[in-house]
Amino acid sequence: GLVQPGGSLRLSCAASANTVSFKSMA
C-alpha cells in the first residue's frame, strides 16, 4: 500500500503448500 516516510507495513505471503516443504523463502 501507500505509506508515509518513516511508517511501517507488514507484507504477508500465503503459500498453497506447507512451508516446511521449502528449503528457503525470501
PDB file of all heavy atoms in Angstrom:
ATOM      1  N   GLY A   1       0.818  -1.202   0.000  1.00  0.00           N
ATOM      2  CA  GLY A   1       0.000   0.000   0.000  1.00  0.00           C
ATOM      3  C   GLY A   1       0.852   1.252   0.000  1.00  0.00           C
ATOM      4  O   GLY A   1       2.053   1.197  -0.255  1.00  0.00           O
ATOM      5  N   LEU A   2       0.199   2.361   0.297  1.00  0.00           N
ATOM      6  CA  LEU A   2       0.851   3.663   0.348  1.00  0.00           C
ATOM      7  C   LEU A   2       1.114   4.017   1.806  1.00  0.00           C
ATOM      8  O   LEU A   2       0.205   3.932   2.645  1.00  0.00           O
ATOM      9  CB  LEU A   2      -0.044   4.717  -0.298  1.00  0.00           C
ATOM     10  CG  LEU A   2       0.413   6.180  -0.187  1.00  0.00           C
ATOM     11  CD1 LEU A   2       1.719   6.377  -0.937  1.00  0.00           C
ATOM     12  CD2 LEU A   2      -0.679   7.103  -0.729  1.00  0.00           C
ATOM     13  N   VAL A   3       2.341   4.414   2.105  1.00  0.00           N
ATOM     14  CA  VAL A   3       2.712   4.770   3.468  1.00  0.00           C
ATOM     15  C   VAL A   3       3.651   5.962   3.422  1.00  0.00           C
ATOM     16  O   VAL A   3       4.402   6.132   2.460  1.00  0.00           O
ATOM     17  CB  VAL A   3       3.372   3.565   4.179  1.00  0.00           C
ATOM     18  CG1 VAL A   3       4.657   3.150   3.491  1.00  0.00           C
ATOM     19  CG2 VAL A   3       3.596   3.835   5.646  1.00  0.00           C
ATOM     20  N   GLN A   4       3.611   6.789   4.454  1.00  0.00           N
ATOM     21  CA  GLN A   4       4.493   7.946   4.528  1.00  0.00           C
ATOM     22  C   GLN A   4       5.893   7.532   4.966  1.00  0.00           C
ATOM     23  O   GLN A   4       6.061   6.507   5.635  1.00  0.00           O
ATOM     24  CB  GLN A   4       3.930   8.967   5.510  1.00  0.00           C
ATOM     25  CG  GLN A   4       2.639   9.616   5.065  1.00  0.00           C
ATOM     26  CD  GLN A   4       2.208  10.737   5.989  1.00  0.00           C
ATOM     27  OE1 GLN A   4       2.643  10.821   7.143  1.00  0.00           O
ATOM     28  NE2 GLN A   4       1.344  11.605   5.497  1.00  0.00           N
ATOM     29  N   PRO A   5       6.890   8.313   4.604  1.00  0.00           N
ATOM     30  CA  PRO A   5       8.252   8.024   5.072  1.00  0.00           C
ATOM     31  C   PRO A   5       8.290   7.920   6.588  1.00  0.00           C
ATOM     32  O   PRO A   5       7.665   8.716   7.292  1.00  0.00           O
ATOM     33  CB  PRO A   5       9.049   9.223   4.566  1.00  0.00           C
ATOM     34  CG  PRO A   5       8.317   9.665   3.352  1.00  0.00           C
ATOM     35  CD  PRO A   5       6.862   9.458   3.671  1.00  0.00           C
ATOM     36  N   GLY A   6       9.028   6.911   7.067  1.00  0.00           N
ATOM     37  CA  GLY A   6       9.090   6.653   8.499  1.00  0.00           C
ATOM     38  C   GLY A   6       8.037   5.693   8.992  1.00  0.00           C
ATOM     39  O   GLY A   6       8.099   5.235  10.142  1.00  0.00           O
ATOM     40  N   GLY A   7       7.084   5.373   8.143  1.00  0.00           N
ATOM     41  CA  GLY A   7       5.999   4.475   8.530  1.00  0.00           C
ATOM     42  C   GLY A   7       6.376   3.010   8.423  1.00  0.00           C
ATOM     43  O   GLY A   7       7.526   2.672   8.113  1.00  0.00           O
ATOM     44  N   SER A   8       5.376   2.156   8.700  1.00  0.00           N
ATOM     45  CA  SER A   8       5.600   0.711   8.710  1.00  0.00           C
ATOM     46  C   SER A   8       4.529  -0.003   7.900  1.00  0.00           C
ATOM     47  O   SER A   8       3.399   0.489   7.766  1.00  0.00           O
ATOM     48  CB  SER A   8       5.570   0.175  10.150  1.00  0.00           C
ATOM     49  OG  SER A   8       6.589   0.741  10.942  1.00  0.00           O
ATOM     50  N   LEU A   9       4.897  -1.150   7.383  1.00  0.00           N
ATOM     51  CA  LEU A   9       3.964  -2.062   6.718  1.00  0.00           C
ATOM     52  C   LEU A   9       4.408  -3.486   7.018  1.00  0.00           C
ATOM     53  O   LEU A   9       5.603  -3.734   7.233  1.00  0.00           O
ATOM     54  CB  LEU A   9       3.962  -1.864   5.201  1.00  0.00           C
ATOM     55  CG  LEU A   9       3.177  -0.713   4.588  1.00  0.00           C
ATOM     56  CD1 LEU A   9       3.419  -0.685   3.071  1.00  0.00           C
ATOM     57  CD2 LEU A   9       1.693  -0.827   4.887  1.00  0.00           C
ATOM     58  N   ARG A  10       3.455  -4.404   7.003  1.00  0.00           N
ATOM     59  CA  ARG A  10       3.792  -5.819   7.102  1.00  0.00           C
ATOM     60  C   ARG A  10       3.226  -6.542   5.898  1.00  0.00           C
ATOM     61  O   ARG A  10       2.008  -6.552   5.673  1.00  0.00           O
ATOM     62  CB  ARG A  10       3.255  -6.459   8.382  1.00  0.00           C
ATOM     63  CG  ARG A  10       3.786  -7.885   8.572  1.00  0.00           C
ATOM     64  CD  ARG A  10       3.356  -8.528   9.858  1.00  0.00           C
ATOM     65  NE  ARG A  10       2.015  -9.059   9.798  1.00  0.00           N
ATOM     66  CZ  ARG A  10       1.551 -10.042  10.565  1.00  0.00           C
ATOM     67  NH1 ARG A  10       2.358 -10.603  11.453  1.00  0.00           N
ATOM     68  NH2 ARG A  10       0.306 -10.454  10.472  1.00  0.00           N
ATOM     69  N   LEU A  11       4.119  -7.137   5.133  1.00  0.00           N
ATOM     70  CA  LEU A  11       3.718  -7.938   3.991  1.00  0.00           C
ATOM     71  C   LEU A  11       3.535  -9.385   4.424  1.00  0.00           C
ATOM     72  O   LEU A  11       4.264  -9.884   5.294  1.00  0.00           O
ATOM     73  CB  LEU A  11       4.762  -7.863   2.884  1.00  0.00           C
ATOM     74  CG  LEU A  11       5.142  -6.472   2.385  1.00  0.00           C
ATOM     75  CD1 LEU A  11       6.137  -6.589   1.230  1.00  0.00           C
ATOM     76  CD2 LEU A  11       3.922  -5.686   1.965  1.00  0.00           C
ATOM     77  N   SER A  12       2.576 -10.044   3.779  1.00  0.00           N
ATOM     78  CA  SER A  12       2.344 -11.469   4.013  1.00  0.00           C
ATOM     79  C   SER A  12       2.418 -12.220   2.701  1.00  0.00           C
ATOM     80  O   SER A  12       2.093 -11.659   1.647  1.00  0.00           O
ATOM     81  CB  SER A  12       0.973 -11.696   4.647  1.00  0.00           C
ATOM     82  OG  SER A  12       0.849 -11.046   5.897  1.00  0.00           O
ATOM     83  N   CYS A  13       2.837 -13.460   2.763  1.00  0.00           N
ATOM     84  CA  CYS A  13       2.887 -14.336   1.591  1.00  0.00           C
ATOM     85  C   CYS A  13       2.289 -15.671   2.013  1.00  0.00           C
ATOM     86  O   CYS A  13       2.912 -16.417   2.778  1.00  0.00           O
ATOM     87  CB  CYS A  13       4.319 -14.504   1.112  1.00  0.00           C
ATOM     88  SG  CYS A  13       4.515 -15.775  -0.171  1.00  0.00           S
ATOM     89  N   ALA A  14       1.086 -15.947   1.525  1.00  0.00           N
ATOM     90  CA  ALA A  14       0.407 -17.195   1.851  1.00  0.00           C
ATOM     91  C   ALA A  14       0.749 -18.248   0.809  1.00  0.00           C
ATOM     92  O   ALA A  14       0.592 -18.015  -0.398  1.00  0.00           O
ATOM     93  CB  ALA A  14      -1.101 -16.967   1.890  1.00  0.00           C
ATOM     94  N   ALA A  15       1.231 -19.407   1.273  1.00  0.00           N
ATOM     95  CA  ALA A  15       1.623 -20.493   0.379  1.00  0.00           C
ATOM     96  C   ALA A  15       0.544 -21.556   0.331  1.00  0.00           C
ATOM     97  O   ALA A  15      -0.109 -21.844   1.338  1.00  0.00           O
ATOM     98  CB  ALA A  15       2.938 -21.105   0.844  1.00  0.00           C
ATOM     99  N   SER A  16       0.373 -22.172  -0.852  1.00  0.00           N
ATOM    100  CA  SER A  16      -0.618 -23.236  -1.010  1.00  0.00           C
ATOM    101  C   SER A  16      -0.075 -24.577  -0.540  1.00  0.00           C
ATOM    102  O   SER A  16      -0.810 -25.554  -0.482  1.00  0.00           O
ATOM    103  CB  SER A  16      -1.062 -23.335  -2.473  1.00  0.00           C
ATOM    104  OG  SER A  16       0.036 -23.675  -3.300  1.00  0.00           O
ATOM    105  N   ALA A  17       1.216 -24.626  -0.230  1.00  0.00           N
ATOM    106  CA  ALA A  17       1.849 -25.830   0.283  1.00  0.00           C
ATOM    107  C   ALA A  17       2.396 -25.566   1.678  1.00  0.00           C
ATOM    108  O   ALA A  17       2.569 -24.401   2.066  1.00  0.00           O
ATOM    109  CB  ALA A  17       2.987 -26.276  -0.636  1.00  0.00           C
ATOM    110  N   ASN A  18       2.666 -26.632   2.402  1.00  0.00           N
ATOM    111  CA  ASN A  18       3.241 -26.484   3.733  1.00  0.00           C
ATOM    112  C   ASN A  18       4.623 -25.853   3.615  1.00  0.00           C
ATOM    113  O   ASN A  18       5.462 -26.326   2.858  1.00  0.00           O
ATOM    114  CB  ASN A  18       3.336 -27.862   4.402  1.00  0.00           C
ATOM    115  CG  ASN A  18       3.551 -27.749   5.889  1.00  0.00           C
ATOM    116  OD1 ASN A  18       4.330 -26.912   6.339  1.00  0.00           O
ATOM    117  ND2 ASN A  18       2.869 -28.577   6.650  1.00  0.00           N
ATOM    118  N   THR A  19       4.841 -24.784   4.343  1.00  0.00           N
ATOM    119  CA  THR A  19       6.107 -24.064   4.202  1.00  0.00           C
ATOM    120  C   THR A  19       7.311 -24.876   4.687  1.00  0.00           C
ATOM    121  O   THR A  19       8.441 -24.536   4.365  1.00  0.00           O
ATOM    122  CB  THR A  19       6.060 -22.721   4.942  1.00  0.00           C
ATOM    123  OG1 THR A  19       5.578 -22.923   6.265  1.00  0.00           O
ATOM    124  CG2 THR A  19       5.153 -21.733   4.212  1.00  0.00           C
ATOM    125  N   VAL A  20       7.083 -25.942   5.421  1.00  0.00           N
ATOM    126  CA  VAL A  20       8.222 -26.782   5.813  1.00  0.00           C
ATOM    127  C   VAL A  20       8.764 -27.555   4.612  1.00  0.00           C
ATOM    128  O   VAL A  20       9.851 -28.122   4.672  1.00  0.00           O
ATOM    129  CB  VAL A  20       7.855 -27.766   6.941  1.00  0.00           C
ATOM    130  CG1 VAL A  20       7.451 -27.023   8.189  1.00  0.00           C
ATOM    131  CG2 VAL A  20       6.786 -28.737   6.493  1.00  0.00           C
ATOM    132  N   SER A  21       8.008 -27.557   3.497  1.00  0.00           N
ATOM    133  CA  SER A  21       8.467 -28.233   2.285  1.00  0.00           C
ATOM    134  C   SER A  21       9.403 -27.359   1.460  1.00  0.00           C
ATOM    135  O   SER A  21       9.890 -27.791   0.409  1.00  0.00           O
ATOM    136  CB  SER A  21       7.267 -28.645   1.426  1.00  0.00           C
ATOM    137  OG  SER A  21       6.622 -27.515   0.886  1.00  0.00           O
ATOM    138  N   PHE A  22       9.647 -26.143   1.943  1.00  0.00           N
ATOM    139  CA  PHE A  22      10.554 -25.250   1.223  1.00  0.00           C
ATOM    140  C   PHE A  22      11.912 -25.213   1.902  1.00  0.00           C
ATOM    141  O   PHE A  22      12.021 -25.139   3.120  1.00  0.00           O
ATOM    142  CB  PHE A  22       9.990 -23.830   1.185  1.00  0.00           C
ATOM    143  CG  PHE A  22       8.658 -23.711   0.503  1.00  0.00           C
ATOM    144  CD1 PHE A  22       7.630 -22.996   1.087  1.00  0.00           C
ATOM    145  CD2 PHE A  22       8.429 -24.305  -0.733  1.00  0.00           C
ATOM    146  CE1 PHE A  22       6.401 -22.881   0.463  1.00  0.00           C
ATOM    147  CE2 PHE A  22       7.205 -24.203  -1.352  1.00  0.00           C
ATOM    148  CZ  PHE A  22       6.186 -23.488  -0.754  1.00  0.00           C
ATOM    149  N   LYS A  23      12.950 -25.269   1.098  1.00  0.00           N
ATOM    150  CA  LYS A  23      14.300 -25.147   1.628  1.00  0.00           C
ATOM    151  C   LYS A  23      14.536 -23.725   2.119  1.00  0.00           C
ATOM    152  O   LYS A  23      15.146 -23.512   3.162  1.00  0.00           O
ATOM    153  CB  LYS A  23      15.319 -25.510   0.547  1.00  0.00           C
ATOM    154  CG  LYS A  23      16.761 -25.406   1.005  1.00  0.00           C
ATOM    155  CD  LYS A  23      17.703 -25.911  -0.072  1.00  0.00           C
ATOM    156  CE  LYS A  23      17.743 -25.013  -1.266  1.00  0.00           C
ATOM    157  NZ  LYS A  23      18.770 -25.432  -2.253  1.00  0.00           N
ATOM    158  N   SER A  24      14.086 -22.774   1.360  1.00  0.00           N
ATOM    159  CA  SER A  24      14.261 -21.379   1.743  1.00  0.00           C
ATOM    160  C   SER A  24      13.078 -20.578   1.234  1.00  0.00           C
ATOM    161  O   SER A  24      12.407 -20.970   0.271  1.00  0.00           O
ATOM    162  CB  SER A  24      15.554 -20.803   1.168  1.00  0.00           C
ATOM    163  OG  SER A  24      15.490 -20.718  -0.245  1.00  0.00           O
ATOM    164  N   MET A  25      12.844 -19.454   1.894  1.00  0.00           N
ATOM    165  CA  MET A  25      11.853 -18.487   1.434  1.00  0.00           C
ATOM    166  C   MET A  25      12.489 -17.117   1.509  1.00  0.00           C
ATOM    167  O   MET A  25      13.367 -16.867   2.354  1.00  0.00           O
ATOM    168  CB  MET A  25      10.583 -18.550   2.279  1.00  0.00           C
ATOM    169  CG  MET A  25       9.879 -19.897   2.223  1.00  0.00           C
ATOM    170  SD  MET A  25       8.257 -19.892   3.023  1.00  0.00           S
ATOM    171  CE  MET A  25       7.278 -19.059   1.751  1.00  0.00           C
ATOM    172  N   ALA A  26      12.059 -16.240   0.627  1.00  0.00           N
ATOM    173  CA  ALA A  26      12.726 -14.948   0.533  1.00  0.00           C
ATOM    174  C   ALA A  26      11.760 -13.892   0.012  1.00  0.00           C
ATOM    175  O   ALA A  26      10.697 -14.200  -0.527  1.00  0.00           O
ATOM    176  CB  ALA A  26      13.937 -15.043  -0.390  1.00  0.00           C
TER     177      ALA A  26
END
